Amino acid sequence: MMKKLDKLKKDYKDTEIPPELGDIVNASIQKAKASRKKRPALKQWTLGAAAAAALFIGSINMSPSFAQAMANVPVLGAFVNVLTVQQLTVDKETYQADISTPAIDGLADKELQAALNNKYIKENKALFEQFEQDVAEMEKSGDGHLGVMAGYEIKTDTDQLLSIARYEVNIVGSSSTIMTYDTIDKENSILITLPSLFKDKSYVDALSSYILGEMTQQMTTDENIVYFLKDESQEGFEKIRSDQDFYITADNKLVISFQKYEVAPGSMGIVTFEIPTDVLDGHLVSDTYIK
């Protein structure tokens, strides 16, 4: 086990996204990028500026709480583990960052495993670099408050499926949250996409119709619930994207997820809808994942 963790740490420090693996997760990376505001090009990853900002790096081999942390590593099926490969923390009076990077270990398909882990590393490096740049600009002006948090939670951990939700919270006055998901068939080492679950694109209309009905029903029964729905006078939700954010629950139900502000006011946060399986009758490729 320690040899595997040593390798993960080395991969984190030396990571370079292999071009031949790009196609495997390119769609996921593009979707995550599209959810963020456009940002300037990032400088080469360094820890120099971070050290000046009292950066604490707790790695899986160096953290004093490593033994306790490893005791809490979730075992997700026969030999598939998810662990925190790096923790980046800054704690100053007006600037805080707490960024946790997950790594998957134990998938039979090592290329898929490496591609996912490299994606997590790359995105969190970019997030921290942007934090450094934003802090530097604020310090020049002598004013500003900034907080960034990123981490993950395991939504599903059956023998068959692993669903990881990764979140990014930016706090500048008010907060914004981005949530992305990866759902993996652990038995067959397959990264499951939403289109791959269905026979054709008709699922978009089927899911959208159900979700629109749920939104309308919720607003009718609770005046505190508000959704942005498209009508003659305003833009709003009409249908899901074909690659809408989703995950699969432990009891094999499909959950569709919307980002904060995507279909509702920020006060409602991340909005999710669990889809009854009978809504998907005739659309699913099989009942392997959704039942």
Protein backbone atom coordinates (compact mmCIF):
# COMPACT_ATOMS: atom_id res chain seq x y z
CA MET A 1 0.00 0.00 0.00
CA MET A 2 2.77 2.46 0.91
CA LYS A 3 4.48 1.84 -2.43
CA LYS A 4 1.25 2.76 -4.22
CA LEU A 5 0.92 5.93 -2.16
CA ASP A 6 4.55 6.86 -2.87
CA LYS A 7 3.81 6.49 -6.55
CA LEU A 8 0.71 8.67 -6.32
CA LYS A 9 2.72 11.39 -4.57
CA LYS A 10 5.43 11.21 -7.24
CA ASP A 11 2.79 11.35 -9.98
CA TYR A 12 1.34 14.44 -8.36
CA LYS A 13 4.70 16.25 -8.31
CA ASP A 14 5.78 15.16 -11.79
CA THR A 15 2.43 15.04 -13.52
CA GLU A 16 2.20 15.87 -17.21
CA ILE A 17 -1.07 15.11 -18.95
CA PRO A 18 -0.30 12.36 -21.47
CA PRO A 19 -1.57 13.44 -24.93
CA GLU A 20 -2.64 9.92 -25.76
CA LEU A 21 -5.05 9.92 -22.82
CA GLY A 22 -6.63 13.25 -23.66
CA ASP A 23 -9.60 11.86 -25.55
CA ILE A 24 -10.68 9.79 -22.57
CA VAL A 25 -11.50 12.78 -20.37
CA ASN A 26 -11.50 15.68 -22.83
CA ALA A 27 -15.27 16.03 -22.66
CA SER A 28 -15.18 16.15 -18.86
CA ILE A 29 -12.42 18.75 -18.84
CA GLN A 30 -14.22 20.95 -21.38
CA LYS A 31 -17.44 20.78 -19.38
CA ALA A 32 -15.64 21.81 -16.19
CA LYS A 33 -13.94 24.68 -18.02
CA ALA A 34 -17.24 25.85 -19.49
CA SER A 35 -18.68 26.10 -15.98
CA ARG A 36 -15.99 28.55 -14.90
CA LYS A 37 -15.47 32.17 -15.87
CA LYS A 38 -12.68 32.67 -18.40
CA ARG A 39 -9.38 33.23 -16.68
CA PRO A 40 -5.92 34.39 -17.80
CA ALA A 41 -3.27 31.91 -18.88
CA LEU A 42 -1.64 30.17 -15.91
CA LYS A 43 2.03 30.37 -15.05
CA GLN A 44 4.17 27.30 -14.46
CA TRP A 45 3.26 25.52 -11.22
CA THR A 46 5.49 26.65 -8.39
CA LEU A 47 5.34 26.83 -4.62
CA GLY A 48 7.47 29.97 -4.24
CA ALA A 49 4.65 32.51 -3.99
CA ALA A 50 2.63 30.09 -1.95
CA ALA A 51 5.40 29.79 0.62
CA ALA A 52 5.40 33.57 1.00
CA ALA A 53 1.68 33.30 1.66
CA ALA A 54 2.24 30.80 4.48
CA LEU A 55 1.27 27.81 2.36
CA PHE A 56 1.06 24.52 4.16
CA ILE A 57 1.37 21.40 2.04
CA GLY A 58 0.21 18.20 3.64
CA SER A 59 0.98 15.28 1.42
CA ILE A 60 0.00 11.70 1.96
CA ASN A 61 3.50 10.79 3.12
CA MET A 62 4.36 14.00 5.00
CA SER A 63 1.21 14.92 6.90
CA PRO A 64 1.39 14.35 10.67
CA SER A 65 -2.20 13.13 10.53
CA PHE A 66 -1.41 10.65 7.76
CA ALA A 67 -2.05 7.56 9.87
CA GLN A 68 -5.44 8.83 10.98
CA ALA A 69 -6.33 9.93 7.47
CA MET A 70 -5.50 6.53 6.06
CA ALA A 71 -7.72 4.92 8.66
CA ASN A 72 -10.58 6.87 7.13
CA VAL A 73 -9.84 6.08 3.48
CA PRO A 74 -13.07 4.67 2.02
CA VAL A 75 -12.81 1.25 0.42
CA LEU A 76 -15.03 1.30 -2.64
CA GLY A 77 -15.42 -2.26 -3.74
CA ALA A 78 -12.87 -5.03 -3.97
CA PHE A 79 -9.62 -3.10 -4.53
CA VAL A 80 -10.65 0.41 -5.60
CA ASN A 81 -9.73 3.21 -3.19
CA VAL A 82 -10.14 6.97 -3.24
CA LEU A 83 -7.70 8.99 -1.17
CA THR A 84 -6.53 12.56 -0.79
CA VAL A 85 -3.22 12.79 -2.64
CA GLN A 86 -2.52 16.44 -1.79
CA GLN A 87 -3.90 19.16 0.48
CA LEU A 88 -3.10 22.82 -0.29
CA THR A 89 -3.94 25.25 2.50
CA VAL A 90 -3.46 28.99 2.92
CA ASP A 91 -4.76 30.75 6.04
CA LYS A 92 -4.20 34.50 6.17
CA GLU A 93 -6.39 37.18 7.66
CA THR A 94 -8.26 38.01 4.45
CA TYR A 95 -7.19 35.17 2.13
CA GLN A 96 -7.97 31.50 2.66
CA ALA A 97 -7.61 28.43 0.48
CA ASP A 98 -8.31 24.78 1.23
CA ILE A 99 -7.92 22.53 -1.80
CA SER A 100 -8.05 18.73 -1.56
CA THR A 101 -7.11 16.59 -4.57
CA PRO A 102 -8.47 13.04 -4.79
CA ALA A 103 -6.80 10.09 -6.46
CA ILE A 104 -8.32 6.78 -7.50
CA ASP A 105 -6.31 3.61 -7.01
CA GLY A 106 -7.18 0.05 -8.00
CA LEU A 107 -8.95 0.32 -11.36
CA ALA A 108 -8.04 -2.45 -13.76
CA ASP A 109 -7.76 0.06 -16.61
CA LYS A 110 -4.62 1.97 -15.59
CA GLU A 111 -4.94 4.41 -18.50
CA LEU A 112 -8.41 5.48 -17.37
CA GLN A 113 -7.20 5.71 -13.76
CA ALA A 114 -4.20 7.84 -14.77
CA ALA A 115 -6.35 10.08 -16.97
CA LEU A 116 -8.83 10.78 -14.19
CA ASN A 117 -6.13 11.37 -11.59
CA ASN A 118 -4.24 13.67 -13.95
CA LYS A 119 -7.43 15.60 -14.61
CA TYR A 120 -7.99 16.13 -10.87
CA ILE A 121 -4.39 17.22 -10.37
CA LYS A 122 -4.39 19.57 -13.35
CA GLU A 123 -7.64 21.29 -12.41
CA ASN A 124 -6.66 21.83 -8.78
CA LYS A 125 -3.24 23.13 -9.77
CA ALA A 126 -4.95 25.63 -12.09
CA LEU A 127 -7.38 26.61 -9.35
CA PHE A 128 -4.59 27.27 -6.86
CA GLU A 129 -2.52 29.19 -9.39
CA GLN A 130 -5.51 31.41 -10.09
CA PHE A 131 -5.92 31.95 -6.35
CA GLU A 132 -2.26 33.03 -6.13
CA GLN A 133 -2.72 35.47 -9.00
CA ASP A 134 -5.91 36.94 -7.53
CA VAL A 135 -4.27 37.37 -4.11
CA ALA A 136 -1.26 39.09 -5.69
CA GLU A 137 -3.55 41.58 -7.45
CA MET A 138 -5.50 42.26 -4.26
CA GLU A 139 -2.32 42.79 -2.26
CA LYS A 140 -1.16 45.36 -4.82
CA SER A 141 -4.35 47.35 -4.26
CA GLY A 142 -4.12 46.82 -0.50
CA ASP A 143 -7.67 45.53 -0.15
CA GLY A 144 -9.78 42.47 -0.73
CA HIS A 145 -11.10 39.24 0.71
CA LEU A 146 -10.87 35.92 -1.09
CA GLY A 147 -11.66 32.35 -0.18
CA VAL A 148 -11.36 29.20 -2.28
CA MET A 149 -12.30 25.69 -1.25
CA ALA A 150 -12.21 22.54 -3.34
CA GLY A 151 -12.72 18.96 -2.36
CA TYR A 152 -14.71 15.87 -3.05
CA GLU A 153 -17.31 13.53 -1.65
CA ILE A 154 -18.20 10.00 -2.58
CA LYS A 155 -21.82 9.78 -3.66
CA THR A 156 -21.89 6.06 -4.47
CA ASP A 157 -19.61 3.23 -3.39
CA THR A 158 -21.11 -0.09 -4.46
CA ASP A 159 -19.19 -3.09 -5.78
CA GLN A 160 -20.26 -2.03 -9.28
CA LEU A 161 -20.24 1.77 -9.23
CA LEU A 162 -18.12 4.64 -7.97
CA SER A 163 -19.54 8.17 -8.19
CA ILE A 164 -17.26 11.00 -7.09
CA ALA A 165 -18.59 14.55 -6.70
CA ARG A 166 -15.96 17.28 -6.78
CA TYR A 167 -16.84 20.77 -5.60
CA GLU A 168 -15.26 24.19 -5.97
CA VAL A 169 -16.43 27.10 -3.81
CA ASN A 170 -15.25 30.65 -4.47
CA ILE A 171 -16.01 33.32 -1.89
CA VAL A 172 -15.67 36.95 -2.95
CA GLY A 173 -18.45 38.86 -1.19
CA SER A 174 -21.00 36.15 -1.98
CA SER A 175 -20.13 32.55 -2.77
CA SER A 176 -20.37 30.52 -5.95
CA THR A 177 -20.25 26.73 -6.16
CA ILE A 178 -19.37 24.40 -9.01
CA MET A 179 -20.07 20.66 -8.69
CA THR A 180 -18.83 18.07 -11.17
CA TYR A 181 -19.21 14.30 -11.13
CA ASP A 182 -17.45 11.20 -12.42
CA THR A 183 -19.29 7.88 -12.39
CA ILE A 184 -17.25 4.77 -13.03
CA ASP A 185 -18.16 1.15 -13.63
CA LYS A 186 -15.48 -0.38 -11.39
CA GLU A 187 -16.09 -3.93 -12.55
CA ASN A 188 -15.39 -3.08 -16.20
CA SER A 189 -13.29 0.11 -15.77
CA ILE A 190 -15.68 2.27 -17.80
CA LEU A 191 -16.18 6.01 -17.37
CA ILE A 192 -19.95 6.35 -17.75
CA THR A 193 -21.31 9.35 -19.67
CA LEU A 194 -24.94 10.41 -19.79
CA PRO A 195 -25.37 9.70 -23.53
CA SER A 196 -23.85 6.23 -23.07
CA LEU A 197 -26.83 5.22 -20.92
CA PHE A 198 -29.36 5.75 -23.70
CA LYS A 199 -30.27 4.36 -27.12
CA ASP A 200 -30.53 7.77 -28.78
CA LYS A 201 -30.96 11.47 -28.03
CA SER A 202 -34.66 11.17 -27.21
CA TYR A 203 -33.66 10.92 -23.53
CA VAL A 204 -33.06 14.68 -23.52
CA ASP A 205 -36.76 15.41 -24.09
CA ALA A 206 -37.90 12.64 -21.71
CA LEU A 207 -35.74 13.89 -18.86
CA SER A 208 -36.50 17.54 -19.56
CA SER A 209 -40.25 16.94 -19.56
CA TYR A 210 -40.09 15.19 -16.19
CA ILE A 211 -37.86 17.85 -14.64
CA LEU A 212 -40.06 20.69 -15.91
CA GLY A 213 -43.07 18.98 -14.35
CA GLU A 214 -41.24 18.63 -11.04
CA MET A 215 -40.14 22.26 -11.07
CA THR A 216 -43.69 23.44 -11.71
CA GLN A 217 -45.11 21.17 -9.01
CA GLN A 218 -42.56 22.31 -6.43
CA MET A 219 -43.26 25.98 -7.13
CA THR A 220 -47.00 25.35 -6.84
CA THR A 221 -46.72 23.69 -3.45
CA ASP A 222 -43.98 25.86 -1.91
CA GLU A 223 -43.83 29.63 -2.49
CA ASN A 224 -40.19 29.68 -1.35
CA ILE A 225 -39.11 27.55 -4.30
CA VAL A 226 -38.36 29.38 -7.53
CA TYR A 227 -37.04 28.10 -10.85
CA PHE A 228 -36.05 30.07 -13.92
CA LEU A 229 -38.39 28.68 -16.58
CA LYS A 230 -38.45 29.78 -20.20
CA ASP A 231 -41.62 31.49 -21.39
CA GLU A 232 -42.66 34.18 -23.84
CA SER A 233 -41.29 36.99 -21.67
CA GLN A 234 -38.02 35.56 -20.35
CA GLU A 235 -35.18 33.16 -20.96
CA GLY A 236 -34.92 30.17 -18.66
CA PHE A 237 -34.75 26.42 -18.40
CA GLU A 238 -36.28 24.57 -21.32
CA LYS A 239 -34.32 21.34 -21.57
CA ILE A 240 -31.20 19.67 -20.20
CA ARG A 241 -27.92 19.53 -22.09
CA SER A 242 -27.11 16.18 -23.65
CA ASP A 243 -24.09 16.04 -21.31
CA GLN A 244 -25.90 17.39 -18.25
CA ASP A 245 -24.18 16.78 -14.89
CA PHE A 246 -25.35 13.54 -13.29
CA TYR A 247 -24.50 10.68 -11.00
CA ILE A 248 -25.97 7.26 -10.23
CA THR A 249 -27.07 6.39 -6.70
CA ALA A 250 -26.28 3.23 -4.75
CA ASP A 251 -29.76 1.92 -5.56
CA ASN A 252 -29.19 2.52 -9.28
CA LYS A 253 -31.25 5.69 -9.75
CA LEU A 254 -30.22 8.47 -12.11
CA VAL A 255 -29.76 11.91 -10.53
CA ILE A 256 -29.58 15.00 -12.76
CA SER A 257 -27.71 17.95 -11.28
CA PHE A 258 -27.74 21.68 -12.06
CA GLN A 259 -25.08 24.17 -11.00
CA LYS A 260 -25.84 27.00 -8.62
CA TYR A 261 -27.68 29.77 -10.54
CA GLU A 262 -28.16 27.49 -13.57
CA VAL A 263 -31.92 27.00 -13.14
CA ALA A 264 -32.72 28.66 -9.81
CA PRO A 265 -31.66 31.52 -7.51
CA GLY A 266 -28.34 31.12 -5.70
CA SER A 267 -30.18 30.57 -2.42
CA MET A 268 -31.22 27.13 -3.71
CA GLY A 269 -27.62 26.09 -4.29
CA ILE A 270 -26.91 22.96 -6.33
CA VAL A 271 -30.25 21.61 -7.57
CA THR A 272 -30.75 17.88 -8.19
CA PHE A 273 -33.58 15.68 -9.42
CA GLU A 274 -33.74 11.92 -8.92
CA ILE A 275 -35.41 10.44 -11.99
CA PRO A 276 -37.94 7.60 -11.56
CA THR A 277 -36.79 4.72 -13.70
CA ASP A 278 -40.19 4.37 -15.39
CA VAL A 279 -39.62 7.82 -16.92
CA LEU A 280 -36.71 6.24 -18.80
CA ASP A 281 -38.60 3.19 -20.11
CA GLY A 282 -37.74 2.60 -23.75
CA HIS A 283 -34.78 4.98 -23.66
CA LEU A 284 -32.14 3.05 -21.72
CA VAL A 285 -29.61 0.87 -23.50
CA SER A 286 -29.96 -1.68 -20.69
CA ASP A 287 -30.72 -1.97 -16.98
CA THR A 288 -27.05 -2.55 -16.11
CA TYR A 289 -26.71 0.78 -14.29
CA ILE A 290 -30.23 2.25 -13.98
CA LYS A 291 -32.90 0.01 -12.49
